[in-house]
Amino acid sequence: MNAIVYYSLGGTTGMVAEKLAQSLSVNSYPIEEIGNRKNNAINIAVGGYQATTEKKSAIKPLQFDSAGIEKMILCLPIWANTTPPAVNSFFEQAKLSGQKVILVLVSGSGKNASAQENVAKKVNAHGGYAIDAFWIQSKSIKKAKPEFIQPQLDDIIARMKKLL
């Protein structure tokens, strides 16, 4: 079985993950923060600082067992060139030992090789294997318009079907 695991604050990454899940016929599981982090300028700045300092946030218990997943598609936004606090917590809770992980990285500014390397290193440091990465450029910290995201998704879906 393959599955999508995702974290989304503003809604864009969630939209991407759900559209991928539907197109690839796989289950999706959100990483849910406990608390009420709002998608506004102050929280974005605080979250960016927390991301760069490797902070974690409280998340709800994971609703899946990664041992039964052949390939995990991990969808996440890039915050300050790295993973958000909720995703850092996910790495601590998930059992990635030997897990093949395909990254789907969402960023307002688009593809960033050092951010991709940072995320892949975290996957690998927690026992997983980052085997590929795809990028979605959202152009905004607010929820992106589906018509802007869809052409990028169509390309990713076609390429990802060959990996699964």
N, C-alpha and C. Protein backbone atom coordinates (compact mmCIF):
# COMPACT_ATOMS: atom_id res chain seq x y z
N MET A 1 0.84 -1.18 0.00
CA MET A 1 0.00 0.00 0.00
C MET A 1 0.88 1.24 0.00
N ASN A 2 0.46 2.24 -0.74
CA ASN A 2 1.10 3.55 -0.75
C ASN A 2 0.17 4.53 -0.05
N ALA A 3 0.72 5.60 0.50
CA ALA A 3 -0.11 6.58 1.19
C ALA A 3 0.53 7.96 1.13
N ILE A 4 -0.32 8.97 1.28
CA ILE A 4 0.13 10.36 1.34
C ILE A 4 -0.01 10.83 2.78
N VAL A 5 1.04 11.45 3.29
CA VAL A 5 1.03 12.10 4.60
C VAL A 5 1.35 13.56 4.34
N TYR A 6 0.59 14.46 4.97
CA TYR A 6 0.82 15.87 4.66
C TYR A 6 0.57 16.78 5.85
N TYR A 7 1.25 17.93 5.80
CA TYR A 7 0.99 19.02 6.73
C TYR A 7 0.64 20.25 5.90
N SER A 8 -0.39 20.97 6.33
CA SER A 8 -0.81 22.18 5.63
C SER A 8 -1.29 23.20 6.64
N LEU A 9 -0.78 24.42 6.55
CA LEU A 9 -1.27 25.50 7.40
C LEU A 9 -2.31 26.34 6.65
N GLY A 10 -1.94 26.83 5.48
CA GLY A 10 -2.81 27.73 4.74
C GLY A 10 -3.79 27.06 3.80
N GLY A 11 -3.62 25.77 3.58
CA GLY A 11 -4.56 25.04 2.73
C GLY A 11 -4.01 24.59 1.39
N THR A 12 -2.95 25.20 0.90
CA THR A 12 -2.42 24.82 -0.41
C THR A 12 -1.87 23.40 -0.38
N THR A 13 -1.04 23.08 0.59
CA THR A 13 -0.45 21.74 0.64
C THR A 13 -1.54 20.69 0.85
N GLY A 14 -2.54 21.00 1.64
CA GLY A 14 -3.67 20.09 1.82
C GLY A 14 -4.41 19.84 0.52
N MET A 15 -4.63 20.90 -0.25
CA MET A 15 -5.28 20.77 -1.54
C MET A 15 -4.45 19.89 -2.47
N VAL A 16 -3.14 20.13 -2.50
CA VAL A 16 -2.23 19.33 -3.33
C VAL A 16 -2.31 17.86 -2.91
N ALA A 17 -2.20 17.60 -1.61
CA ALA A 17 -2.20 16.23 -1.11
C ALA A 17 -3.50 15.51 -1.44
N GLU A 18 -4.63 16.17 -1.26
CA GLU A 18 -5.92 15.54 -1.52
C GLU A 18 -6.13 15.27 -3.01
N LYS A 19 -5.68 16.19 -3.85
CA LYS A 19 -5.79 15.97 -5.30
C LYS A 19 -4.88 14.82 -5.73
N LEU A 20 -3.68 14.74 -5.16
CA LEU A 20 -2.79 13.61 -5.45
C LEU A 20 -3.41 12.30 -4.99
N ALA A 21 -3.95 12.28 -3.79
CA ALA A 21 -4.56 11.06 -3.24
C ALA A 21 -5.69 10.58 -4.15
N GLN A 22 -6.51 11.51 -4.59
CA GLN A 22 -7.62 11.14 -5.46
C GLN A 22 -7.12 10.60 -6.80
N SER A 23 -6.16 11.28 -7.39
CA SER A 23 -5.64 10.88 -8.71
C SER A 23 -4.85 9.59 -8.66
N LEU A 24 -4.17 9.33 -7.55
CA LEU A 24 -3.33 8.14 -7.43
C LEU A 24 -4.05 6.99 -6.70
N SER A 25 -5.28 7.24 -6.26
CA SER A 25 -6.08 6.24 -5.54
C SER A 25 -5.36 5.69 -4.31
N VAL A 26 -4.87 6.62 -3.48
CA VAL A 26 -4.21 6.24 -2.23
C VAL A 26 -4.87 7.00 -1.07
N ASN A 27 -4.71 6.47 0.13
CA ASN A 27 -5.21 7.16 1.31
C ASN A 27 -4.32 8.33 1.66
N SER A 28 -4.92 9.35 2.28
CA SER A 28 -4.14 10.50 2.74
C SER A 28 -4.36 10.69 4.23
N TYR A 29 -3.31 11.13 4.91
CA TYR A 29 -3.33 11.31 6.35
C TYR A 29 -2.72 12.66 6.71
N PRO A 30 -3.49 13.55 7.33
CA PRO A 30 -2.93 14.85 7.71
C PRO A 30 -2.09 14.76 8.97
N ILE A 31 -1.07 15.58 9.03
CA ILE A 31 -0.32 15.83 10.26
C ILE A 31 -1.01 17.03 10.88
N GLU A 32 -1.64 16.84 12.03
CA GLU A 32 -2.46 17.90 12.61
C GLU A 32 -1.83 18.46 13.88
N GLU A 33 -1.58 19.77 13.86
CA GLU A 33 -1.06 20.44 15.05
C GLU A 33 -2.13 20.55 16.11
N ILE A 34 -1.71 20.44 17.35
CA ILE A 34 -2.60 20.71 18.47
C ILE A 34 -2.43 22.19 18.79
N GLY A 35 -3.51 22.88 18.86
CA GLY A 35 -3.43 24.33 19.07
C GLY A 35 -3.99 25.03 17.86
N ASN A 36 -3.76 26.31 17.80
CA ASN A 36 -4.42 27.11 16.78
C ASN A 36 -3.42 28.05 16.11
N ARG A 37 -2.47 27.48 15.37
CA ARG A 37 -1.53 28.32 14.62
C ARG A 37 -2.29 28.95 13.46
N LYS A 38 -2.32 30.25 13.42
CA LYS A 38 -3.05 30.97 12.37
C LYS A 38 -2.11 31.30 11.21
N ASN A 39 -2.69 31.39 10.04
CA ASN A 39 -1.93 31.73 8.84
C ASN A 39 -1.93 33.25 8.67
N ASN A 40 -1.09 33.91 9.48
CA ASN A 40 -0.96 35.36 9.36
C ASN A 40 0.53 35.73 9.46
N ALA A 41 0.84 36.98 9.20
CA ALA A 41 2.24 37.40 9.11
C ALA A 41 3.03 37.12 10.39
N ILE A 42 2.45 37.37 11.55
CA ILE A 42 3.17 37.15 12.81
C ILE A 42 3.48 35.67 12.99
N ASN A 43 2.49 34.81 12.78
CA ASN A 43 2.71 33.38 12.96
C ASN A 43 3.62 32.80 11.89
N ILE A 44 3.59 33.37 10.70
CA ILE A 44 4.51 32.92 9.65
C ILE A 44 5.95 33.25 10.07
N ALA A 45 6.17 34.45 10.60
CA ALA A 45 7.52 34.83 11.07
C ALA A 45 7.97 33.94 12.22
N VAL A 46 7.09 33.73 13.19
CA VAL A 46 7.43 32.88 14.33
C VAL A 46 7.68 31.45 13.85
N GLY A 47 6.81 30.95 12.98
CA GLY A 47 6.97 29.60 12.45
C GLY A 47 8.26 29.44 11.67
N GLY A 48 8.63 30.46 10.91
CA GLY A 48 9.90 30.41 10.16
C GLY A 48 11.09 30.32 11.10
N TYR A 49 11.05 31.10 12.18
CA TYR A 49 12.12 31.04 13.18
C TYR A 49 12.15 29.64 13.83
N GLN A 50 10.98 29.14 14.19
CA GLN A 50 10.92 27.81 14.81
C GLN A 50 11.44 26.74 13.85
N ALA A 51 11.13 26.87 12.58
CA ALA A 51 11.61 25.91 11.59
C ALA A 51 13.13 25.93 11.49
N THR A 52 13.72 27.13 11.43
CA THR A 52 15.17 27.22 11.27
C THR A 52 15.92 26.76 12.52
N THR A 53 15.25 26.78 13.65
CA THR A 53 15.89 26.32 14.89
C THR A 53 15.46 24.90 15.26
N GLU A 54 14.84 24.20 14.29
CA GLU A 54 14.47 22.78 14.44
C GLU A 54 13.47 22.52 15.55
N LYS A 55 12.67 23.52 15.90
CA LYS A 55 11.66 23.34 16.95
C LYS A 55 10.59 22.38 16.47
N LYS A 56 9.88 21.82 17.43
CA LYS A 56 8.77 20.92 17.15
C LYS A 56 7.51 21.55 17.73
N SER A 57 6.36 21.12 17.23
CA SER A 57 5.10 21.54 17.80
C SER A 57 4.31 20.29 18.17
N ALA A 58 3.37 20.46 19.06
CA ALA A 58 2.54 19.32 19.47
C ALA A 58 1.63 18.94 18.30
N ILE A 59 1.61 17.65 18.00
CA ILE A 59 0.73 17.16 16.94
C ILE A 59 -0.13 16.03 17.49
N LYS A 60 -1.27 15.82 16.83
CA LYS A 60 -2.15 14.72 17.21
C LYS A 60 -1.48 13.39 16.87
N PRO A 61 -1.85 12.33 17.56
CA PRO A 61 -1.27 11.02 17.22
C PRO A 61 -1.53 10.68 15.75
N LEU A 62 -0.55 10.05 15.14
CA LEU A 62 -0.67 9.68 13.73
C LEU A 62 -1.74 8.62 13.57
N GLN A 63 -2.49 8.69 12.49
CA GLN A 63 -3.63 7.80 12.26
C GLN A 63 -3.30 6.65 11.31
N PHE A 64 -2.04 6.27 11.24
CA PHE A 64 -1.64 5.19 10.36
C PHE A 64 -0.39 4.53 10.93
N ASP A 65 -0.11 3.34 10.43
CA ASP A 65 1.10 2.62 10.79
C ASP A 65 2.00 2.59 9.57
N SER A 66 3.11 3.26 9.64
CA SER A 66 3.98 3.36 8.46
C SER A 66 4.57 2.01 8.05
N ALA A 67 4.55 1.03 8.95
CA ALA A 67 5.09 -0.29 8.61
C ALA A 67 4.32 -0.92 7.45
N GLY A 68 3.06 -0.59 7.30
CA GLY A 68 2.26 -1.18 6.23
C GLY A 68 2.29 -0.39 4.93
N ILE A 69 3.08 0.66 4.89
CA ILE A 69 3.13 1.53 3.70
C ILE A 69 4.39 1.20 2.89
N GLU A 70 4.18 0.86 1.63
CA GLU A 70 5.32 0.55 0.76
C GLU A 70 6.09 1.83 0.41
N LYS A 71 5.36 2.81 -0.11
CA LYS A 71 5.96 4.11 -0.42
C LYS A 71 5.09 5.19 0.19
N MET A 72 5.74 6.12 0.90
CA MET A 72 5.04 7.23 1.53
C MET A 72 5.32 8.49 0.71
N ILE A 73 4.25 9.18 0.36
CA ILE A 73 4.37 10.47 -0.31
C ILE A 73 4.18 11.51 0.78
N LEU A 74 5.23 12.25 1.08
CA LEU A 74 5.20 13.24 2.15
C LEU A 74 5.08 14.62 1.52
N CYS A 75 3.93 15.27 1.73
CA CYS A 75 3.66 16.60 1.18
C CYS A 75 3.81 17.62 2.30
N LEU A 76 4.60 18.63 2.08
CA LEU A 76 4.80 19.64 3.10
C LEU A 76 5.18 20.98 2.51
N PRO A 77 4.83 22.05 3.21
CA PRO A 77 5.29 23.37 2.79
C PRO A 77 6.73 23.56 3.25
N ILE A 78 7.45 24.38 2.54
CA ILE A 78 8.80 24.74 2.95
C ILE A 78 8.71 26.06 3.71
N TRP A 79 9.24 26.05 4.94
CA TRP A 79 9.27 27.24 5.77
C TRP A 79 10.74 27.59 6.00
N ALA A 80 11.13 28.77 5.60
CA ALA A 80 12.50 29.25 5.84
C ALA A 80 13.53 28.21 5.43
N ASN A 81 13.31 27.61 4.27
CA ASN A 81 14.26 26.68 3.67
C ASN A 81 14.30 25.30 4.34
N THR A 82 13.29 24.99 5.16
CA THR A 82 13.32 23.70 5.86
C THR A 82 11.90 23.25 6.22
N THR A 83 11.80 22.30 7.13
CA THR A 83 10.51 21.72 7.51
C THR A 83 9.83 22.51 8.62
N PRO A 84 8.51 22.62 8.57
CA PRO A 84 7.76 23.27 9.65
C PRO A 84 7.85 22.47 10.96
N PRO A 85 7.61 23.13 12.09
CA PRO A 85 7.67 22.43 13.38
C PRO A 85 6.79 21.17 13.45
N ALA A 86 5.61 21.19 12.87
CA ALA A 86 4.74 20.01 12.91
C ALA A 86 5.36 18.83 12.18
N VAL A 87 6.07 19.10 11.10
CA VAL A 87 6.73 18.02 10.35
C VAL A 87 7.93 17.50 11.14
N ASN A 88 8.62 18.40 11.85
CA ASN A 88 9.71 17.93 12.73
C ASN A 88 9.16 16.96 13.77
N SER A 89 7.99 17.26 14.32
CA SER A 89 7.35 16.36 15.29
C SER A 89 6.94 15.05 14.63
N PHE A 90 6.44 15.14 13.41
CA PHE A 90 6.09 13.92 12.66
C PHE A 90 7.29 12.98 12.55
N PHE A 91 8.44 13.54 12.22
CA PHE A 91 9.65 12.69 12.10
C PHE A 91 9.95 11.96 13.40
N GLU A 92 9.66 12.60 14.52
CA GLU A 92 9.91 11.97 15.82
C GLU A 92 8.89 10.86 16.10
N GLN A 93 7.65 11.03 15.65
CA GLN A 93 6.60 10.03 15.93
C GLN A 93 6.57 8.88 14.93
N ALA A 94 6.82 9.18 13.68
CA ALA A 94 6.70 8.17 12.63
C ALA A 94 7.85 7.17 12.72
N LYS A 95 7.56 5.98 12.31
CA LYS A 95 8.60 4.95 12.25
C LYS A 95 8.98 4.79 10.78
N LEU A 96 10.02 5.50 10.38
CA LEU A 96 10.42 5.53 8.98
C LEU A 96 11.48 4.48 8.63
N SER A 97 11.83 3.64 9.54
CA SER A 97 12.91 2.68 9.32
C SER A 97 12.71 1.91 8.01
N GLY A 98 13.57 2.17 7.06
CA GLY A 98 13.52 1.50 5.77
C GLY A 98 12.44 2.02 4.83
N GLN A 99 11.70 3.04 5.25
CA GLN A 99 10.57 3.57 4.47
C GLN A 99 11.06 4.35 3.25
N LYS A 100 10.49 4.04 2.07
CA LYS A 100 10.76 4.82 0.87
C LYS A 100 9.82 6.02 0.88
N VAL A 101 10.40 7.22 0.75
CA VAL A 101 9.62 8.46 0.86
C VAL A 101 9.81 9.30 -0.40
N ILE A 102 8.67 9.68 -0.98
CA ILE A 102 8.67 10.60 -2.12
C ILE A 102 8.21 11.95 -1.58
N LEU A 103 9.00 12.97 -1.79
CA LEU A 103 8.70 14.30 -1.27
C LEU A 103 7.91 15.13 -2.28
N VAL A 104 6.89 15.82 -1.79
CA VAL A 104 6.20 16.84 -2.58
C VAL A 104 6.31 18.11 -1.75
N LEU A 105 7.11 19.04 -2.25
CA LEU A 105 7.45 20.25 -1.51
C LEU A 105 6.73 21.44 -2.12
N VAL A 106 6.06 22.20 -1.27
CA VAL A 106 5.26 23.34 -1.71
C VAL A 106 5.93 24.62 -1.22
N SER A 107 6.17 25.54 -2.14
CA SER A 107 6.87 26.77 -1.78
C SER A 107 6.34 27.93 -2.61
N GLY A 108 6.23 29.07 -1.97
CA GLY A 108 5.81 30.27 -2.68
C GLY A 108 6.81 30.70 -3.73
N SER A 109 8.08 30.42 -3.48
CA SER A 109 9.12 30.86 -4.41
C SER A 109 9.55 29.77 -5.38
N GLY A 110 9.06 28.56 -5.23
CA GLY A 110 9.40 27.50 -6.17
C GLY A 110 10.57 26.64 -5.71
N LYS A 111 11.12 25.89 -6.65
CA LYS A 111 12.14 24.89 -6.36
C LYS A 111 13.38 25.51 -5.73
N ASN A 112 13.89 24.82 -4.71
CA ASN A 112 15.06 25.29 -3.98
C ASN A 112 15.89 24.06 -3.60
N ALA A 113 17.04 23.90 -4.23
CA ALA A 113 17.85 22.69 -4.04
C ALA A 113 18.28 22.50 -2.58
N SER A 114 18.63 23.58 -1.89
CA SER A 114 19.10 23.42 -0.51
C SER A 114 17.94 23.03 0.41
N ALA A 115 16.74 23.53 0.17
CA ALA A 115 15.58 23.13 0.97
C ALA A 115 15.28 21.65 0.74
N GLN A 116 15.34 21.23 -0.51
CA GLN A 116 15.10 19.82 -0.83
C GLN A 116 16.13 18.93 -0.13
N GLU A 117 17.37 19.34 -0.15
CA GLU A 117 18.43 18.60 0.53
C GLU A 117 18.19 18.55 2.04
N ASN A 118 17.76 19.67 2.62
CA ASN A 118 17.47 19.71 4.07
C ASN A 118 16.38 18.70 4.44
N VAL A 119 15.31 18.66 3.65
CA VAL A 119 14.21 17.74 3.95
C VAL A 119 14.66 16.30 3.75
N ALA A 120 15.34 16.03 2.66
CA ALA A 120 15.82 14.65 2.40
C ALA A 120 16.74 14.18 3.52
N LYS A 121 17.60 15.05 4.02
CA LYS A 121 18.50 14.67 5.12
C LYS A 121 17.70 14.30 6.37
N LYS A 122 16.61 15.03 6.63
CA LYS A 122 15.79 14.72 7.81
C LYS A 122 15.10 13.37 7.64
N VAL A 123 14.59 13.10 6.46
CA VAL A 123 13.97 11.79 6.19
C VAL A 123 15.00 10.69 6.43
N ASN A 124 16.16 10.86 5.84
CA ASN A 124 17.22 9.85 5.95
C ASN A 124 17.72 9.70 7.38
N ALA A 125 17.80 10.80 8.13
CA ALA A 125 18.27 10.76 9.52
C ALA A 125 17.29 10.00 10.42
N HIS A 126 16.04 9.91 10.00
CA HIS A 126 15.04 9.19 10.79
C HIS A 126 14.77 7.80 10.23
N GLY A 127 15.71 7.30 9.42
CA GLY A 127 15.65 5.91 8.96
C GLY A 127 14.97 5.68 7.63
N GLY A 128 14.41 6.73 7.02
CA GLY A 128 13.76 6.58 5.73
C GLY A 128 14.72 6.81 4.58
N TYR A 129 14.20 6.65 3.38
CA TYR A 129 14.99 6.88 2.17
C TYR A 129 14.20 7.82 1.27
N ALA A 130 14.67 9.06 1.14
CA ALA A 130 14.04 10.01 0.23
C ALA A 130 14.45 9.60 -1.18
N ILE A 131 13.49 9.06 -1.95
CA ILE A 131 13.84 8.50 -3.26
C ILE A 131 13.56 9.44 -4.43
N ASP A 132 12.76 10.46 -4.21
CA ASP A 132 12.49 11.44 -5.27
C ASP A 132 11.82 12.66 -4.65
N ALA A 133 11.79 13.74 -5.40
CA ALA A 133 11.15 14.97 -4.90
C ALA A 133 10.50 15.71 -6.06
N PHE A 134 9.34 16.28 -5.77
CA PHE A 134 8.59 17.08 -6.72
C PHE A 134 8.26 18.41 -6.05
N TRP A 135 8.18 19.46 -6.86
CA TRP A 135 7.92 20.80 -6.33
C TRP A 135 6.63 21.38 -6.89
N ILE A 136 5.94 22.09 -6.02
CA ILE A 136 4.78 22.89 -6.41
C ILE A 136 5.10 24.33 -6.01
N GLN A 137 5.00 25.24 -6.97
CA GLN A 137 5.17 26.66 -6.64
C GLN A 137 3.79 27.26 -6.43
N SER A 138 3.57 27.81 -5.23
CA SER A 138 2.26 28.35 -4.90
C SER A 138 2.15 29.85 -5.11
N LYS A 139 3.27 30.56 -5.14
CA LYS A 139 3.34 32.01 -5.31
C LYS A 139 2.79 32.82 -4.15
N SER A 140 2.39 32.15 -3.06
CA SER A 140 1.76 32.88 -1.97
C SER A 140 1.76 32.05 -0.70
N ILE A 141 1.71 32.73 0.47
CA ILE A 141 1.53 32.00 1.71
C ILE A 141 0.04 31.74 1.97
N LYS A 142 -0.81 32.40 1.21
CA LYS A 142 -2.24 32.16 1.29
C LYS A 142 -2.58 30.97 0.39
N LYS A 143 -3.78 30.45 0.54
CA LYS A 143 -4.17 29.29 -0.27
C LYS A 143 -4.13 29.66 -1.75
N ALA A 144 -3.38 28.88 -2.51
CA ALA A 144 -3.22 29.12 -3.94
C ALA A 144 -4.49 28.75 -4.69
N LYS A 145 -4.68 29.39 -5.83
CA LYS A 145 -5.84 29.09 -6.66
C LYS A 145 -5.64 27.74 -7.34
N PRO A 146 -6.67 26.89 -7.32
CA PRO A 146 -6.54 25.56 -7.94
C PRO A 146 -6.10 25.62 -9.40
N GLU A 147 -6.55 26.62 -10.14
CA GLU A 147 -6.18 26.70 -11.55
C GLU A 147 -4.69 27.00 -11.74
N PHE A 148 -4.05 27.57 -10.74
CA PHE A 148 -2.60 27.79 -10.81
C PHE A 148 -1.85 26.51 -10.48
N ILE A 149 -2.38 25.75 -9.54
CA ILE A 149 -1.73 24.52 -9.06
C ILE A 149 -1.94 23.35 -10.02
N GLN A 150 -3.11 23.26 -10.64
CA GLN A 150 -3.48 22.06 -11.41
C GLN A 150 -2.49 21.68 -12.50
N PRO A 151 -1.98 22.61 -13.34
CA PRO A 151 -1.02 22.18 -14.36
C PRO A 151 0.25 21.57 -13.76
N GLN A 152 0.69 22.09 -12.62
CA GLN A 152 1.85 21.51 -11.95
C GLN A 152 1.52 20.11 -11.44
N LEU A 153 0.31 19.97 -10.88
CA LEU A 153 -0.13 18.67 -10.37
C LEU A 153 -0.25 17.63 -11.48
N ASP A 154 -0.78 18.03 -12.61
CA ASP A 154 -0.93 17.10 -13.73
C ASP A 154 0.42 16.50 -14.12
N ASP A 155 1.44 17.34 -14.17
CA ASP A 155 2.79 16.87 -14.49
C ASP A 155 3.31 15.91 -13.41
N ILE A 156 3.13 16.28 -12.15
CA ILE A 156 3.60 15.44 -11.04
C ILE A 156 2.87 14.11 -11.03
N ILE A 157 1.58 14.12 -11.25
CA ILE A 157 0.80 12.87 -11.23
C ILE A 157 1.30 11.92 -12.32
N ALA A 158 1.52 12.44 -13.51
CA ALA A 158 2.01 11.59 -14.60
C ALA A 158 3.37 10.98 -14.24
N ARG A 159 4.24 11.77 -13.68
CA ARG A 159 5.58 11.27 -13.32
C ARG A 159 5.53 10.33 -12.13
N MET A 160 4.64 10.65 -11.15
CA MET A 160 4.56 9.84 -9.94
C MET A 160 3.97 8.46 -10.20
N LYS A 161 3.04 8.37 -11.15
CA LYS A 161 2.44 7.08 -11.47
C LYS A 161 3.50 6.07 -11.89
N LYS A 162 4.58 6.55 -12.49
CA LYS A 162 5.67 5.66 -12.89
C LYS A 162 6.48 5.16 -11.69
N LEU A 163 6.46 5.93 -10.60
CA LEU A 163 7.22 5.56 -9.39
C LEU A 163 6.46 4.59 -8.48
N LEU A 164 5.14 4.62 -8.56
CA LEU A 164 4.34 3.82 -7.62
C LEU A 164 4.01 2.44 -8.14
